[in-house]
Amino acid sequence: MTYKRLGFFTRLLDKVPAGERYRLATEQIVQAERSGFDSAWVAQHHFHEAEGGLPSPLVFLAHVAAQTRRIRLGTGIITLPMESPLRVAEDAAVLDQLSNGRFELGLGSGGTPSSFPPFGLQSDQRGEAYARHLTLLRAALDDEPLAGTDNHLYPPARQLGRRIWQATFSIDGAARAGKAGDGLMLSRTQPRPQSDPDLPLDAIQNPIIDAYLDALPEGITPRILGSRTAFVTDNGEDARRFAEQGLRQQAVQFRAQGHVVTGDRLEDYIAAFDVHLGTPEETLATLRQDSALARVTDLAFQVHSIDPPHPFILRSIALLAEQVAPALGWHSGQQRKPDVEPTSKETL
């Protein structure tokens, strides 16, 4: 496998007050940059502390941008149906300037169903709202006149139109992302069909990748991000000890949502949630069995749903960069150059 970029994904799930969560996540991203990671990703979650507690990812990433210099900063994802597309465009444009062109704009329609009503939507309306908001967002980024006026997005951000990513669980969603020339974001795990609860994750995601590549216009470089849970420790027993607690809790939540988790052993949870853990050698052994990862251009690791203590996350980041990712073909230093468009001659 050869990856263009290596990413770190954090869900901000430490059991501490919100301000401390943001501090710890910032420290993790700084550690990822220090270890050579190419990108860092955060998810947006409204209202629900147990799901991530980060309603304003662009505000948070602006803070992180001030404390980093090289690592690219992305949203995985902004739940676009709940947002004003013009405000997303404006905030993203400012963030991209502040970060010197390091921002990656990941979008999706998903989200906790109970989070939609406060935004004037029902969950079953999210698909239509997503498509409509994405059209408006693209228009703003493409510097089109806004709402029939002579207003245009400022600062201009045409470059961000080339850095949109779409997250999807479906073949149809992948085809739409490919047709648009956007990046494709694949989840760390996906619900299995009721008829085949043991279906491997790569068996689900390879057809999604196929649909994306088939729809991609000629001449457009594919961008496929595969997110995976990987918790690497010096001692494999440490990984299993934290996984026992974190994955068991995840299984309870998963079942409460009506999904099926077969079995109650740690091994059952590891299989159900597509987890890779243990020493670098143990983690590599299972990652190499995932054929979808051989096809991605970007590989992002996260520790959710294990969610171990902060020092173990920092150590896992270092081990991933030092021993795991290089064995999968990644080489540090393959960073893309920023592509911010100057707004005036004085900025050249």
Protein backbone atom coordinates (compact mmCIF):
# COMPACT_ATOMS: atom_id res chain seq x y z
CA MET A 1 0.00 0.00 0.00
CA THR A 2 1.14 3.55 -0.68
CA TYR A 3 -0.61 6.52 0.91
CA LYS A 4 -0.23 10.11 -0.13
CA ARG A 5 -1.28 11.38 3.29
CA LEU A 6 -1.58 10.08 6.84
CA GLY A 7 -4.27 11.58 9.07
CA PHE A 8 -5.26 11.71 12.73
CA PHE A 9 -8.95 11.88 13.64
CA THR A 10 -10.22 12.92 17.07
CA ARG A 11 -13.78 12.87 18.38
CA LEU A 12 -13.09 14.88 21.60
CA LEU A 13 -14.55 12.29 23.96
CA ASP A 14 -12.36 12.67 27.04
CA LYS A 15 -14.41 12.58 30.24
CA VAL A 16 -13.49 16.14 31.27
CA PRO A 17 -15.15 19.58 30.95
CA ALA A 18 -15.48 21.04 27.45
CA GLY A 19 -12.56 23.45 27.74
CA GLU A 20 -10.25 20.66 28.81
CA ARG A 21 -11.49 18.49 25.94
CA TYR A 22 -10.49 21.19 23.48
CA ARG A 23 -7.09 21.58 25.13
CA LEU A 24 -6.37 17.85 25.01
CA ALA A 25 -7.49 17.54 21.39
CA THR A 26 -5.25 20.46 20.46
CA GLU A 27 -2.32 18.75 22.17
CA GLN A 28 -3.07 15.55 20.25
CA ILE A 29 -3.05 17.38 16.92
CA VAL A 30 0.20 19.14 17.82
CA GLN A 31 1.65 15.71 18.63
CA ALA A 32 0.40 14.40 15.29
CA GLU A 33 2.15 17.24 13.47
CA ARG A 34 5.33 16.61 15.45
CA SER A 35 5.14 12.92 14.48
CA GLY A 36 4.87 13.75 10.78
CA PHE A 37 1.13 13.26 10.17
CA ASP A 38 -0.14 15.08 7.10
CA SER A 39 -3.66 15.92 8.31
CA ALA A 40 -5.89 16.14 11.37
CA TRP A 41 -9.68 15.82 11.32
CA VAL A 42 -12.46 16.69 13.76
CA ALA A 43 -16.18 15.91 13.70
CA GLN A 44 -19.09 18.24 14.39
CA HIS A 45 -21.64 17.13 16.99
CA HIS A 46 -24.43 19.30 18.33
CA PHE A 47 -25.80 19.05 21.88
CA HIS A 48 -24.63 15.54 22.80
CA GLU A 49 -21.56 15.43 25.04
CA ALA A 50 -21.18 11.67 24.68
CA GLU A 51 -20.84 11.92 20.89
CA GLY A 52 -18.11 14.52 20.62
CA GLY A 53 -19.20 17.82 22.09
CA LEU A 54 -17.83 20.02 19.26
CA PRO A 55 -20.63 22.08 17.67
CA SER A 56 -18.23 24.63 16.11
CA PRO A 57 -15.37 22.77 14.42
CA LEU A 58 -14.19 25.76 12.37
CA VAL A 59 -13.76 27.86 15.51
CA PHE A 60 -11.78 25.05 17.09
CA LEU A 61 -9.61 24.54 14.01
CA ALA A 62 -8.81 28.26 13.89
CA HIS A 63 -7.41 27.85 17.40
CA VAL A 64 -5.42 24.80 16.30
CA ALA A 65 -4.15 26.59 13.20
CA ALA A 66 -2.49 29.19 15.41
CA GLN A 67 -0.54 26.44 17.19
CA THR A 68 0.54 24.41 14.17
CA ARG A 69 2.43 25.19 10.99
CA ARG A 70 2.32 22.27 8.57
CA ILE A 71 -0.44 19.77 9.30
CA ARG A 72 -3.60 20.10 7.22
CA LEU A 73 -6.81 20.64 9.19
CA GLY A 74 -10.11 19.10 8.13
CA THR A 75 -13.71 18.58 9.14
CA GLY A 76 -14.94 15.05 9.17
CA ILE A 77 -17.66 16.21 8.97
CA ILE A 78 -19.73 19.39 9.08
CA THR A 79 -23.40 18.33 9.13
CA LEU A 80 -24.39 20.66 6.32
CA PRO A 81 -28.22 20.32 6.55
CA MET A 82 -28.07 22.02 9.97
CA GLU A 83 -25.91 24.90 8.78
CA SER A 84 -26.26 28.12 6.81
CA PRO A 85 -24.24 27.28 3.69
CA LEU A 86 -23.15 30.88 3.21
CA ARG A 87 -21.90 31.13 6.79
CA VAL A 88 -20.01 27.86 6.33
CA ALA A 89 -18.41 29.32 3.20
CA GLU A 90 -17.45 32.54 5.00
CA ASP A 91 -16.01 30.81 8.06
CA ALA A 92 -14.16 28.26 5.92
CA ALA A 93 -12.69 31.04 3.77
CA VAL A 94 -11.39 32.91 6.81
CA LEU A 95 -10.01 29.72 8.37
CA ASP A 96 -8.20 28.85 5.16
CA GLN A 97 -6.52 32.27 5.16
CA LEU A 98 -5.57 32.01 8.83
CA SER A 99 -4.11 28.53 8.31
CA ASN A 100 -2.19 29.48 5.16
CA GLY A 101 -4.23 27.21 2.92
CA ARG A 102 -4.29 24.13 5.16
CA PHE A 103 -8.05 23.62 5.47
CA GLU A 104 -9.93 20.59 4.06
CA LEU A 105 -13.74 20.93 3.92
CA GLY A 106 -15.43 17.63 4.77
CA LEU A 107 -19.24 17.56 4.56
CA GLY A 108 -22.06 15.13 5.18
CA SER A 109 -25.79 14.83 5.71
CA GLY A 110 -25.68 12.64 8.81
CA GLY A 111 -26.09 13.39 12.46
CA THR A 112 -28.04 12.26 15.47
CA PRO A 113 -31.75 12.28 14.52
CA SER A 114 -32.74 14.15 17.68
CA SER A 115 -30.36 17.01 16.78
CA PHE A 116 -32.30 18.09 13.69
CA PRO A 117 -35.54 19.60 15.17
CA PRO A 118 -33.78 22.51 16.95
CA PHE A 119 -32.53 23.53 13.50
CA GLY A 120 -36.03 23.42 12.02
CA LEU A 121 -35.60 20.05 10.31
CA GLN A 122 -36.59 16.44 10.76
CA SER A 123 -34.02 13.73 10.20
CA ASP A 124 -35.88 12.39 7.16
CA GLN A 125 -35.44 15.81 5.47
CA ARG A 126 -31.68 15.79 5.73
CA GLY A 127 -31.00 14.44 2.22
CA GLU A 128 -32.93 17.19 0.46
CA ALA A 129 -31.52 19.88 2.75
CA TYR A 130 -28.00 18.59 2.19
CA ALA A 131 -28.29 18.74 -1.60
CA ARG A 132 -29.77 22.25 -1.50
CA HIS A 133 -27.18 23.59 0.95
CA LEU A 134 -24.31 22.01 -0.97
CA THR A 135 -25.44 23.77 -4.16
CA LEU A 136 -25.50 27.12 -2.35
CA LEU A 137 -22.12 26.47 -0.73
CA ARG A 138 -20.53 25.65 -4.08
CA ALA A 139 -21.98 28.81 -5.62
CA ALA A 140 -20.43 30.93 -2.88
CA LEU A 141 -17.03 29.24 -3.19
CA ASP A 142 -17.18 29.59 -6.99
CA ASP A 143 -17.50 33.38 -6.56
CA GLU A 144 -20.99 33.51 -8.07
CA PRO A 145 -23.25 36.50 -7.31
CA LEU A 146 -25.18 35.73 -4.13
CA ALA A 147 -29.00 35.61 -4.26
CA GLY A 148 -29.20 37.74 -7.39
CA THR A 149 -27.24 40.62 -5.88
CA ASP A 150 -23.79 41.98 -6.62
CA ASN A 151 -22.46 40.43 -3.39
CA HIS A 152 -19.66 37.87 -3.55
CA LEU A 153 -17.93 35.77 -0.94
CA TYR A 154 -15.12 37.58 0.86
CA PRO A 155 -12.43 36.58 1.21
CA PRO A 156 -12.71 34.73 -2.08
CA ALA A 157 -12.10 31.01 -1.69
CA ARG A 158 -12.20 29.30 -5.08
CA GLN A 159 -9.41 27.04 -3.84
CA LEU A 160 -11.78 25.45 -1.29
CA GLY A 161 -14.00 24.21 -4.09
CA ARG A 162 -11.13 21.87 -4.94
CA ARG A 163 -10.93 20.65 -1.35
CA ILE A 164 -14.50 19.53 -0.67
CA TRP A 165 -14.91 16.00 0.67
CA GLN A 166 -18.22 14.13 0.96
CA ALA A 167 -18.88 11.41 3.53
CA THR A 168 -21.25 8.62 2.61
CA PHE A 169 -22.28 5.08 3.51
CA SER A 170 -23.83 4.44 0.09
CA ILE A 171 -22.92 3.65 -3.49
CA ASP A 172 -25.22 6.42 -4.74
CA GLY A 173 -23.55 8.96 -2.44
CA ALA A 174 -20.13 7.90 -3.67
CA ALA A 175 -21.21 8.32 -7.28
CA ARG A 176 -22.46 11.84 -6.53
CA ALA A 177 -19.17 12.76 -4.86
CA GLY A 178 -17.22 11.35 -7.78
CA LYS A 179 -19.30 13.10 -10.42
CA ALA A 180 -18.70 16.40 -8.62
CA GLY A 181 -14.95 15.78 -8.48
CA ASP A 182 -15.00 15.88 -4.68
CA GLY A 183 -13.09 13.71 -2.26
CA LEU A 184 -14.73 10.58 -0.82
CA MET A 185 -14.73 9.97 2.94
CA LEU A 186 -15.18 6.40 4.17
CA SER A 187 -16.20 5.69 7.75
CA ARG A 188 -14.18 3.70 10.28
CA THR A 189 -17.10 1.25 10.51
CA GLN A 190 -20.56 0.81 8.98
CA PRO A 191 -23.77 -0.95 10.04
CA ARG A 192 -24.06 -4.37 8.39
CA PRO A 193 -27.08 -5.59 6.47
CA GLN A 194 -29.43 -7.55 8.70
CA SER A 195 -29.15 -10.43 6.24
CA ASP A 196 -25.35 -10.55 6.61
CA PRO A 197 -24.25 -9.17 10.01
CA ASP A 198 -20.71 -10.56 9.63
CA LEU A 199 -19.98 -8.97 6.25
CA PRO A 200 -16.40 -7.59 6.25
CA LEU A 201 -16.03 -3.82 6.09
CA ASP A 202 -13.96 -3.92 2.91
CA ALA A 203 -16.70 -5.93 1.21
CA ILE A 204 -19.04 -3.00 1.90
CA GLN A 205 -16.62 -0.21 1.04
CA ASN A 206 -14.97 -1.59 -2.10
CA PRO A 207 -18.19 -1.19 -4.14
CA ILE A 208 -18.47 2.36 -2.78
CA ILE A 209 -14.94 3.07 -3.99
CA ASP A 210 -15.78 1.51 -7.37
CA ALA A 211 -18.81 3.80 -7.79
CA TYR A 212 -16.75 6.85 -6.88
CA LEU A 213 -13.95 6.05 -9.33
CA ASP A 214 -16.40 5.19 -12.12
CA ALA A 215 -18.14 8.56 -11.73
CA LEU A 216 -15.00 10.68 -11.39
CA PRO A 217 -14.49 12.92 -14.44
CA GLU A 218 -11.46 12.21 -16.59
CA GLY A 219 -8.42 14.15 -15.47
CA ILE A 220 -9.58 14.57 -11.86
CA THR A 221 -7.23 13.01 -9.31
CA PRO A 222 -9.05 10.67 -6.91
CA ARG A 223 -9.16 11.63 -3.24
CA ILE A 224 -10.31 8.77 -1.03
CA LEU A 225 -9.98 9.00 2.74
CA GLY A 226 -10.34 5.79 4.70
CA SER A 227 -10.86 6.27 8.43
CA ARG A 228 -10.03 3.38 10.74
CA THR A 229 -9.95 2.76 14.47
CA ALA A 230 -6.39 1.94 15.48
CA PHE A 231 -5.09 2.03 19.04
CA VAL A 232 -1.42 1.09 19.27
CA THR A 233 0.38 0.40 22.54
CA ASP A 234 3.77 -0.87 23.62
CA ASN A 235 1.98 -3.61 25.55
CA GLY A 236 -0.92 -5.37 23.86
CA GLU A 237 -2.64 -6.00 27.17
CA ASP A 238 -3.01 -2.25 27.72
CA ALA A 239 -4.86 -1.97 24.43
CA ARG A 240 -7.21 -4.83 25.32
CA ARG A 241 -7.85 -3.47 28.80
CA PHE A 242 -9.03 -0.08 27.54
CA ALA A 243 -10.87 -1.66 24.60
CA GLU A 244 -12.87 -3.89 26.94
CA GLN A 245 -14.35 -0.82 28.61
CA GLY A 246 -14.74 1.48 25.61
CA LEU A 247 -16.12 -1.04 23.14
CA ARG A 248 -18.53 -2.54 25.65
CA GLN A 249 -19.99 0.92 26.19
CA GLN A 250 -20.21 1.40 22.43
CA ALA A 251 -22.06 -1.90 22.09
CA VAL A 252 -24.65 -0.77 24.63
CA GLN A 253 -25.24 2.46 22.69
CA PHE A 254 -25.31 0.63 19.36
CA ARG A 255 -27.94 -1.83 20.56
CA ALA A 256 -30.03 0.97 22.05
CA GLN A 257 -30.20 2.44 18.53
CA GLY A 258 -31.67 -0.80 17.22
CA HIS A 259 -28.51 -2.26 15.67
CA VAL A 260 -27.31 -5.83 16.14
CA VAL A 261 -24.04 -6.67 17.87
CA THR A 262 -23.37 -10.40 17.91
CA GLY A 263 -21.78 -11.72 21.10
CA ASP A 264 -20.47 -10.11 24.28
CA ARG A 265 -16.78 -10.98 24.25
CA LEU A 266 -14.08 -8.43 23.49
CA GLU A 267 -13.31 -10.27 20.26
CA ASP A 268 -16.95 -9.89 19.23
CA TYR A 269 -16.80 -6.13 19.80
CA ILE A 270 -13.50 -5.82 17.93
CA ALA A 271 -15.07 -7.56 14.93
CA ALA A 272 -18.36 -5.65 15.14
CA PHE A 273 -16.71 -2.23 15.21
CA ASP A 274 -13.77 -2.96 12.88
CA VAL A 275 -11.11 -2.20 15.47
CA HIS A 276 -7.35 -2.59 15.04
CA LEU A 277 -5.39 -2.64 18.29
CA GLY A 278 -2.41 -3.90 20.21
CA THR A 279 1.29 -3.67 19.55
CA PRO A 280 2.45 -2.27 16.19
CA GLU A 281 2.85 -5.82 14.89
CA GLU A 282 -0.64 -6.86 16.04
CA THR A 283 -2.22 -3.73 14.58
CA LEU A 284 -0.46 -4.17 11.24
CA ALA A 285 -1.60 -7.78 10.99
CA THR A 286 -5.28 -6.82 10.95
CA LEU A 287 -4.90 -3.62 8.91
CA ARG A 288 -3.26 -5.63 6.14
CA GLN A 289 -6.39 -7.78 5.86
CA ASP A 290 -8.50 -4.73 4.88
CA SER A 291 -8.40 -4.63 1.08
CA ALA A 292 -10.20 -1.27 0.89
CA LEU A 293 -7.20 0.41 2.49
CA ALA A 294 -5.06 -0.58 -0.48
CA ARG A 295 -7.17 1.78 -2.58
CA VAL A 296 -7.34 4.92 -0.47
CA THR A 297 -5.20 8.01 -1.00
CA ASP A 298 -5.54 9.20 2.62
CA LEU A 299 -5.60 7.02 5.73
CA ALA A 300 -6.88 8.56 8.97
CA PHE A 301 -6.58 6.82 12.33
CA GLN A 302 -8.73 7.42 15.40
CA VAL A 303 -9.05 5.76 18.81
CA HIS A 304 -12.85 5.99 19.00
CA SER A 305 -14.67 3.91 20.30
CA ILE A 306 -11.91 2.73 22.64
CA ASP A 307 -11.26 6.29 23.89
CA PRO A 308 -8.28 5.55 26.16
CA PRO A 309 -6.67 8.13 28.48
CA HIS A 310 -4.88 11.07 26.88
CA PRO A 311 -1.27 9.86 27.47
CA PHE A 312 -2.06 6.59 25.69
CA ILE A 313 -3.53 8.51 22.74
CA LEU A 314 -0.32 10.52 22.44
CA ARG A 315 1.76 7.34 22.53
CA SER A 316 -0.51 5.69 19.95
CA ILE A 317 -0.02 8.65 17.60
CA ALA A 318 3.75 8.29 17.87
CA LEU A 319 3.71 4.52 17.31
CA LEU A 320 1.42 4.86 14.30
CA ALA A 321 3.82 7.29 12.66
CA GLU A 322 7.00 5.47 13.65
CA GLN A 323 6.10 1.83 13.04
CA VAL A 324 2.62 1.22 11.62
CA ALA A 325 2.14 3.70 8.76
CA PRO A 326 5.67 3.27 7.32
CA ALA A 327 5.09 -0.49 7.16
CA LEU A 328 1.98 0.24 5.09
CA GLY A 329 3.94 2.32 2.59
CA TRP A 330 3.56 5.85 4.00
CA HIS A 331 6.53 8.19 4.02
CA SER A 332 6.63 11.38 6.05
CA GLY A 333 7.12 14.63 4.17
CA GLN A 334 4.68 14.07 1.28
CA GLN A 335 2.84 17.24 2.21
CA ARG A 336 1.00 19.30 -0.37
CA LYS A 337 1.81 22.99 -0.64
CA PRO A 338 -0.86 25.51 0.42
CA ASP A 339 -2.97 26.90 -2.39
CA VAL A 340 -4.55 30.01 -0.91
CA GLU A 341 -5.37 32.53 -3.59
CA PRO A 342 -3.94 35.97 -2.69
CA THR A 343 -6.64 38.62 -2.32
CA SER A 344 -4.40 41.51 -3.42
CA LYS A 345 -0.95 42.25 -4.81
CA GLU A 346 0.16 43.26 -1.33
CA THR A 347 -0.25 39.65 -0.12
CA LEU A 348 2.00 38.18 -2.80
